Protein backbone atom coordinates (compact mmCIF):
# COMPACT_ATOMS: atom_id res chain seq x y z
CA MET A 1 16.93 -51.55 32.33
CA ARG A 2 16.05 -48.36 34.09
CA ILE A 3 12.95 -46.63 34.08
CA ASP A 4 12.39 -43.26 35.46
CA ALA A 5 9.16 -41.48 36.17
CA ARG A 6 7.92 -38.20 37.44
CA VAL A 7 4.50 -37.54 39.00
CA GLU A 8 3.54 -34.14 38.97
CA GLY A 9 0.22 -32.56 40.84
CA ILE A 10 0.33 -34.53 43.93
CA THR A 11 0.57 -31.53 46.11
CA GLU A 12 -2.33 -30.04 43.98
CA ALA A 13 -4.28 -33.15 44.42
CA VAL A 14 -3.82 -33.27 48.30
CA ASN A 15 -4.78 -29.67 48.74
CA ASN A 16 -8.02 -30.38 46.71
CA LEU A 17 -9.00 -33.15 48.63
CA ALA A 18 -8.38 -31.17 51.78
CA ALA A 19 -10.66 -28.40 50.43
CA LEU A 20 -13.08 -30.84 49.33
CA ALA A 21 -13.45 -32.38 53.06
CA ARG A 22 -13.59 -28.65 54.50
CA ASP A 23 -16.18 -27.67 52.15
CA LEU A 24 -18.18 -30.91 52.64
CA GLY A 25 -17.75 -30.41 56.21
CA ASP A 26 -19.44 -26.72 56.00
CA ALA A 27 -22.05 -27.76 53.71
CA ILE A 28 -23.94 -29.71 55.95
CA PRO A 29 -24.07 -27.26 58.91
CA ALA A 30 -24.81 -24.60 56.52
CA ALA A 31 -27.72 -26.82 55.07
CA LEU A 32 -29.36 -27.71 58.38
CA TYR A 33 -29.23 -23.71 59.01
CA GLN A 34 -30.94 -23.09 55.85
CA GLU A 35 -33.51 -25.63 56.80
CA ALA A 36 -34.23 -24.24 60.15
CA GLN A 37 -34.50 -20.66 58.50
CA ASP A 38 -37.02 -22.12 56.03
CA ILE A 39 -39.01 -23.50 58.82
CA MET A 40 -38.99 -20.40 61.29
CA ARG A 41 -40.13 -18.21 58.22
CA GLU A 42 -43.22 -20.67 57.90
CA SER A 43 -43.58 -20.97 61.44
CA LYS A 44 -43.90 -17.01 61.99
CA HIS A 45 -46.55 -16.95 59.60
CA GLN A 46 -48.70 -19.51 61.96
CA VAL A 47 -47.88 -17.84 64.99
CA PRO A 48 -50.94 -16.54 66.92
CA VAL A 49 -51.66 -12.79 67.05
CA ALA A 50 -53.94 -11.87 69.86
CA HIS A 51 -54.97 -8.59 68.69
CA PRO A 52 -53.89 -7.65 65.17
CA SER A 53 -55.24 -4.14 63.99
CA LEU A 54 -55.91 -3.34 60.49
CA SER A 55 -52.74 -0.65 60.44
CA GLY A 56 -50.31 -3.78 59.85
CA TYR A 57 -49.60 -5.06 63.34
CA SER A 58 -46.98 -7.64 62.62
CA GLY A 59 -47.43 -9.93 65.74
CA GLY A 60 -45.74 -8.41 68.58
CA ARG A 61 -43.37 -10.06 71.08
CA LEU A 62 -44.11 -13.79 70.34
CA ARG A 63 -43.64 -13.56 66.46
CA ALA A 64 -40.53 -11.19 66.90
CA SER A 65 -38.94 -13.53 69.43
CA GLY A 66 -38.61 -16.64 66.90
CA TYR A 67 -34.75 -17.35 66.47
CA VAL A 68 -32.56 -19.71 64.61
CA ALA A 69 -29.20 -20.11 66.12
CA PRO A 70 -26.02 -20.64 64.43
CA PRO A 71 -24.95 -24.35 63.81
CA GLN A 72 -23.11 -26.30 66.49
CA LYS A 73 -21.59 -29.46 67.14
CA ASP A 74 -23.08 -31.87 70.01
CA GLU A 75 -20.69 -33.72 72.41
CA GLN A 76 -20.41 -36.63 69.83
CA GLY A 77 -19.41 -33.89 67.00
CA LYS A 78 -22.61 -34.15 65.12
CA ASP A 79 -24.21 -30.88 63.78
CA TYR A 80 -27.32 -29.69 65.16
CA VAL A 81 -29.19 -26.12 64.68
CA GLU A 82 -31.43 -24.74 67.56
CA LEU A 83 -34.70 -22.96 66.53
CA GLY A 84 -37.37 -21.94 68.76
CA TYR A 85 -39.13 -18.66 70.57
CA GLY A 86 -37.97 -16.58 73.35
CA THR A 87 -40.67 -15.44 75.19
CA ASP A 88 -41.70 -16.73 78.61
CA TYR A 89 -45.19 -17.89 77.42
CA ALA A 90 -44.24 -19.18 73.93
CA LEU A 91 -44.68 -22.84 75.21
CA TYR A 92 -48.24 -22.19 76.54
CA VAL A 93 -49.38 -20.70 73.20
CA HIS A 94 -47.85 -23.36 71.47
CA GLU A 95 -49.18 -26.43 73.46
CA ILE A 96 -52.70 -25.05 74.59
CA PRO A 97 -55.42 -25.57 71.79
CA PRO A 98 -57.96 -22.77 71.40
CA PRO A 99 -61.59 -23.59 72.65
CA GLU A 100 -62.68 -24.80 69.35
CA GLU A 101 -59.98 -27.47 69.10
CA GLY A 102 -60.43 -29.22 72.66
CA ALA A 103 -59.26 -26.90 75.28
CA PRO A 104 -61.29 -26.97 78.27
CA HIS A 105 -64.50 -24.74 78.81
CA PRO A 106 -63.39 -21.94 80.81
CA ARG A 107 -65.31 -22.89 83.91
CA GLN A 108 -63.22 -26.00 83.89
CA ILE A 109 -60.04 -24.32 83.90
CA GLN A 110 -57.89 -23.89 86.98
CA PRO A 111 -57.73 -20.23 88.54
CA GLY A 112 -54.23 -18.72 87.26
CA THR A 113 -54.49 -20.53 84.13
CA ARG A 114 -56.07 -19.88 80.63
CA THR A 115 -56.75 -21.17 77.21
CA ALA A 116 -55.16 -19.73 74.26
CA ARG A 117 -57.51 -17.46 72.51
CA HIS A 118 -56.07 -15.70 69.10
CA VAL A 119 -57.52 -13.94 66.44
CA THR A 120 -55.13 -15.11 63.77
CA GLY A 121 -52.35 -18.04 63.87
CA LYS A 122 -52.65 -21.18 65.46
CA TRP A 123 -51.27 -23.45 68.30
CA LYS A 124 -48.56 -25.90 67.17
CA TYR A 125 -47.04 -22.88 65.13
CA LEU A 126 -43.61 -24.45 65.42
CA GLU A 127 -44.05 -28.17 65.56
CA ASP A 128 -46.45 -28.31 62.32
CA PRO A 129 -43.72 -26.54 60.36
CA ILE A 130 -41.15 -28.98 61.27
CA LYS A 131 -43.30 -31.86 60.60
CA GLU A 132 -44.41 -30.70 57.31
CA ARG A 133 -40.43 -30.24 56.37
CA ALA A 134 -39.25 -33.23 58.09
CA ASP A 135 -39.26 -35.64 55.10
CA LYS A 136 -37.57 -33.11 52.78
CA ILE A 137 -34.62 -32.10 55.19
CA PRO A 138 -32.39 -35.30 54.39
CA GLU A 139 -32.74 -34.58 50.41
CA ASN A 140 -32.15 -31.17 50.54
CA ILE A 141 -28.97 -31.54 52.51
CA LYS A 142 -27.89 -34.28 50.18
CA ARG A 143 -28.67 -32.04 47.43
CA ARG A 144 -26.18 -29.39 48.91
CA ALA A 145 -23.53 -31.90 49.38
CA GLN A 146 -23.69 -32.98 46.03
CA ARG A 147 -23.31 -29.44 44.77
CA VAL A 148 -20.04 -29.45 46.45
CA LEU A 149 -18.70 -32.74 45.15
CA GLU A 150 -19.75 -31.48 41.65
CA LYS A 151 -17.65 -28.35 42.17
CA TYR A 152 -14.76 -30.54 42.80
CA ALA A 153 -15.25 -33.04 40.08
CA LYS A 154 -15.04 -30.31 37.67
CA ARG A 155 -11.40 -29.57 38.44
């Protein structure tokens, strides 16, 4: 007795698996990038502004220097996204509290240094949005990956 069988669709299945792997591989860095964009948007709302005017001043160099770099891979092949502010004084404004939050009294400050004084905004303007969102990031990335899987499950 002889049984012949013919399997069709192997090439299509292999191509679908390759596309799924590619799309999943793209989904994670895209999700990281979107999370970083959302963090930066909130951070820019918190950036200190020294002299806002009633005419709609938007925040000057510090706020304008906020950036989110495109996703990259580290030496181990793990995805990451860099975000930050590109002025030479951003770190000082971020790390020095205003006087009412613990900065030294002006008479206690070394010559050549200063405390952060701003009319609007706050210190820790990047750290706080990151901390506020940190617990949600893995779930948001998982949700994006799930959408990719669902797209291929329907094929």
